[in-house]
Amino acid sequence: MGELVVGRVVQGLQARYTVERSLGEGGFGLAYLARREDGTAVVLKQLRLARMADWKALELFEREARV
């Protein structure tokens, strides 16, 4: 999919999201402010596999996604 950019529309499992701006970067992911079609603000996080050192990092990312 490539890195998310401002204005990009992303189809999720439950809605479509429009990326508004970058919020920052962590150890193995990027965070973006986005809006659902109904106007609700959300945070989209994009996993960067190249930065993952082990499977534990993926497990933690998945846990955060469920929350």
N, C-alpha and C. Protein backbone atom coordinates (compact mmCIF):
# COMPACT_ATOMS: atom_id res chain seq x y z
N MET A 1 0.82 -1.19 0.00
CA MET A 1 0.00 0.00 0.00
C MET A 1 0.87 1.26 0.00
N GLY A 2 2.04 1.22 0.57
CA GLY A 2 2.87 2.41 0.63
C GLY A 2 2.51 3.28 1.82
N GLU A 3 3.32 4.29 2.03
CA GLU A 3 3.10 5.18 3.16
C GLU A 3 1.85 6.03 2.92
N LEU A 4 1.11 6.29 3.97
CA LEU A 4 -0.08 7.11 3.86
C LEU A 4 0.33 8.57 3.65
N VAL A 5 -0.47 9.31 2.89
CA VAL A 5 -0.19 10.72 2.63
C VAL A 5 -1.48 11.52 2.83
N VAL A 6 -1.32 12.82 3.09
CA VAL A 6 -2.47 13.70 3.30
C VAL A 6 -3.39 13.65 2.09
N GLY A 7 -4.68 13.51 2.37
CA GLY A 7 -5.68 13.46 1.30
C GLY A 7 -6.01 12.07 0.81
N ARG A 8 -5.20 11.11 1.14
CA ARG A 8 -5.45 9.73 0.69
C ARG A 8 -6.68 9.16 1.39
N VAL A 9 -7.50 8.47 0.65
CA VAL A 9 -8.68 7.80 1.19
C VAL A 9 -8.33 6.32 1.34
N VAL A 10 -8.58 5.80 2.55
CA VAL A 10 -8.24 4.42 2.87
C VAL A 10 -9.53 3.67 3.18
N GLN A 11 -9.71 2.52 2.55
CA GLN A 11 -10.87 1.69 2.84
C GLN A 11 -10.54 0.76 3.98
N GLY A 12 -11.22 0.90 5.11
CA GLY A 12 -11.04 0.01 6.24
C GLY A 12 -12.09 -1.07 6.25
N LEU A 13 -12.13 -1.84 7.34
CA LEU A 13 -13.11 -2.92 7.44
C LEU A 13 -14.52 -2.39 7.64
N GLN A 14 -14.65 -1.24 8.32
CA GLN A 14 -15.98 -0.74 8.65
C GLN A 14 -16.31 0.61 8.02
N ALA A 15 -15.33 1.31 7.49
CA ALA A 15 -15.58 2.64 6.93
C ALA A 15 -14.42 3.05 6.02
N ARG A 16 -14.61 4.21 5.40
CA ARG A 16 -13.54 4.83 4.61
C ARG A 16 -12.99 5.98 5.43
N TYR A 17 -11.68 6.19 5.33
CA TYR A 17 -11.01 7.21 6.13
C TYR A 17 -10.19 8.11 5.20
N THR A 18 -10.22 9.41 5.47
CA THR A 18 -9.41 10.36 4.73
C THR A 18 -8.30 10.85 5.64
N VAL A 19 -7.06 10.69 5.21
CA VAL A 19 -5.89 11.08 6.00
C VAL A 19 -5.79 12.60 5.99
N GLU A 20 -5.68 13.20 7.21
CA GLU A 20 -5.58 14.66 7.32
C GLU A 20 -4.16 15.13 7.58
N ARG A 21 -3.43 14.43 8.46
CA ARG A 21 -2.05 14.85 8.73
C ARG A 21 -1.32 13.77 9.51
N SER A 22 -0.02 13.86 9.47
CA SER A 22 0.83 12.94 10.23
C SER A 22 0.86 13.39 11.68
N LEU A 23 0.78 12.43 12.60
CA LEU A 23 0.86 12.74 14.02
C LEU A 23 2.23 12.41 14.60
N GLY A 24 2.91 11.45 14.01
CA GLY A 24 4.22 11.09 14.51
C GLY A 24 4.61 9.69 14.14
N GLU A 25 5.76 9.30 14.68
CA GLU A 25 6.36 8.03 14.34
C GLU A 25 6.89 7.38 15.61
N GLY A 26 6.61 6.09 15.75
CA GLY A 26 7.11 5.35 16.90
C GLY A 26 8.13 4.32 16.48
N GLY A 27 8.36 3.36 17.36
CA GLY A 27 9.36 2.35 17.09
C GLY A 27 9.12 1.52 15.86
N PHE A 28 7.87 1.15 15.59
CA PHE A 28 7.60 0.32 14.42
C PHE A 28 6.34 0.74 13.68
N GLY A 29 5.92 1.99 13.86
CA GLY A 29 4.73 2.44 13.16
C GLY A 29 4.66 3.94 12.99
N LEU A 30 3.74 4.34 12.13
CA LEU A 30 3.46 5.75 11.88
C LEU A 30 2.01 6.00 12.28
N ALA A 31 1.73 7.19 12.82
CA ALA A 31 0.37 7.53 13.23
C ALA A 31 -0.12 8.74 12.44
N TYR A 32 -1.39 8.69 12.05
CA TYR A 32 -2.00 9.76 11.25
C TYR A 32 -3.35 10.12 11.82
N LEU A 33 -3.69 11.41 11.76
CA LEU A 33 -5.04 11.85 12.06
C LEU A 33 -5.84 11.67 10.78
N ALA A 34 -7.02 11.07 10.90
CA ALA A 34 -7.89 10.84 9.75
C ALA A 34 -9.33 11.05 10.17
N ARG A 35 -10.23 11.11 9.20
CA ARG A 35 -11.67 11.25 9.47
C ARG A 35 -12.44 10.17 8.74
N ARG A 36 -13.40 9.64 9.46
CA ARG A 36 -14.34 8.72 8.82
C ARG A 36 -15.30 9.53 7.97
N GLU A 37 -16.07 8.87 7.16
CA GLU A 37 -17.03 9.55 6.28
C GLU A 37 -18.05 10.36 7.06
N ASP A 38 -18.36 9.93 8.29
CA ASP A 38 -19.34 10.66 9.11
C ASP A 38 -18.72 11.85 9.85
N GLY A 39 -17.42 12.11 9.63
CA GLY A 39 -16.75 13.25 10.25
C GLY A 39 -16.03 12.96 11.55
N THR A 40 -16.15 11.74 12.06
CA THR A 40 -15.49 11.37 13.31
C THR A 40 -13.98 11.31 13.11
N ALA A 41 -13.25 11.98 14.02
CA ALA A 41 -11.79 11.95 13.97
C ALA A 41 -11.28 10.63 14.55
N VAL A 42 -10.30 10.05 13.89
CA VAL A 42 -9.69 8.79 14.33
C VAL A 42 -8.18 8.86 14.12
N VAL A 43 -7.47 7.94 14.73
CA VAL A 43 -6.04 7.81 14.49
C VAL A 43 -5.82 6.52 13.71
N LEU A 44 -5.12 6.63 12.58
CA LEU A 44 -4.73 5.46 11.81
C LEU A 44 -3.26 5.19 12.11
N LYS A 45 -2.94 3.94 12.35
CA LYS A 45 -1.55 3.57 12.58
C LYS A 45 -1.12 2.60 11.49
N GLN A 46 0.04 2.85 10.94
CA GLN A 46 0.57 2.01 9.87
C GLN A 46 1.81 1.29 10.38
N LEU A 47 1.77 0.00 10.31
CA LEU A 47 2.90 -0.84 10.75
C LEU A 47 4.01 -0.79 9.71
N ARG A 48 5.25 -0.66 10.19
CA ARG A 48 6.42 -0.68 9.30
C ARG A 48 7.22 -1.94 9.63
N LEU A 49 7.00 -2.97 8.84
CA LEU A 49 7.64 -4.26 9.10
C LEU A 49 9.16 -4.19 9.09
N ALA A 50 9.72 -3.31 8.30
CA ALA A 50 11.18 -3.21 8.23
C ALA A 50 11.80 -2.80 9.56
N ARG A 51 11.02 -2.18 10.42
CA ARG A 51 11.55 -1.71 11.71
C ARG A 51 11.31 -2.69 12.85
N MET A 52 10.64 -3.78 12.56
CA MET A 52 10.34 -4.73 13.62
C MET A 52 11.52 -5.65 13.88
N ALA A 53 11.90 -5.75 15.13
CA ALA A 53 13.06 -6.57 15.48
C ALA A 53 12.68 -8.02 15.74
N ASP A 54 11.43 -8.24 16.19
CA ASP A 54 11.02 -9.60 16.53
C ASP A 54 9.50 -9.73 16.50
N TRP A 55 9.01 -10.94 16.73
CA TRP A 55 7.57 -11.22 16.71
C TRP A 55 6.83 -10.56 17.86
N LYS A 56 7.53 -10.29 18.95
CA LYS A 56 6.89 -9.64 20.10
C LYS A 56 6.38 -8.25 19.71
N ALA A 57 7.13 -7.55 18.88
CA ALA A 57 6.70 -6.23 18.42
C ALA A 57 5.39 -6.33 17.63
N LEU A 58 5.27 -7.34 16.78
CA LEU A 58 4.02 -7.54 16.03
C LEU A 58 2.88 -7.86 16.99
N GLU A 59 3.14 -8.68 17.96
CA GLU A 59 2.12 -9.01 18.97
C GLU A 59 1.63 -7.77 19.69
N LEU A 60 2.54 -6.89 20.08
CA LEU A 60 2.16 -5.65 20.76
C LEU A 60 1.36 -4.73 19.85
N PHE A 61 1.73 -4.64 18.58
CA PHE A 61 1.00 -3.84 17.62
C PHE A 61 -0.42 -4.38 17.46
N GLU A 62 -0.58 -5.67 17.34
CA GLU A 62 -1.90 -6.29 17.20
C GLU A 62 -2.74 -6.04 18.45
N ARG A 63 -2.14 -6.13 19.61
CA ARG A 63 -2.87 -5.88 20.85
C ARG A 63 -3.38 -4.44 20.89
N GLU A 64 -2.54 -3.51 20.50
CA GLU A 64 -2.95 -2.10 20.47
C GLU A 64 -4.09 -1.89 19.48
N ALA A 65 -4.03 -2.56 18.34
CA ALA A 65 -5.08 -2.43 17.34
C ALA A 65 -6.43 -2.93 17.86
N ARG A 66 -6.40 -4.00 18.62
CA ARG A 66 -7.65 -4.51 19.19
C ARG A 66 -8.26 -3.55 20.20
N VAL A 67 -7.42 -2.87 20.96
CA VAL A 67 -7.89 -1.91 21.96
C VAL A 67 -8.50 -0.73 21.26
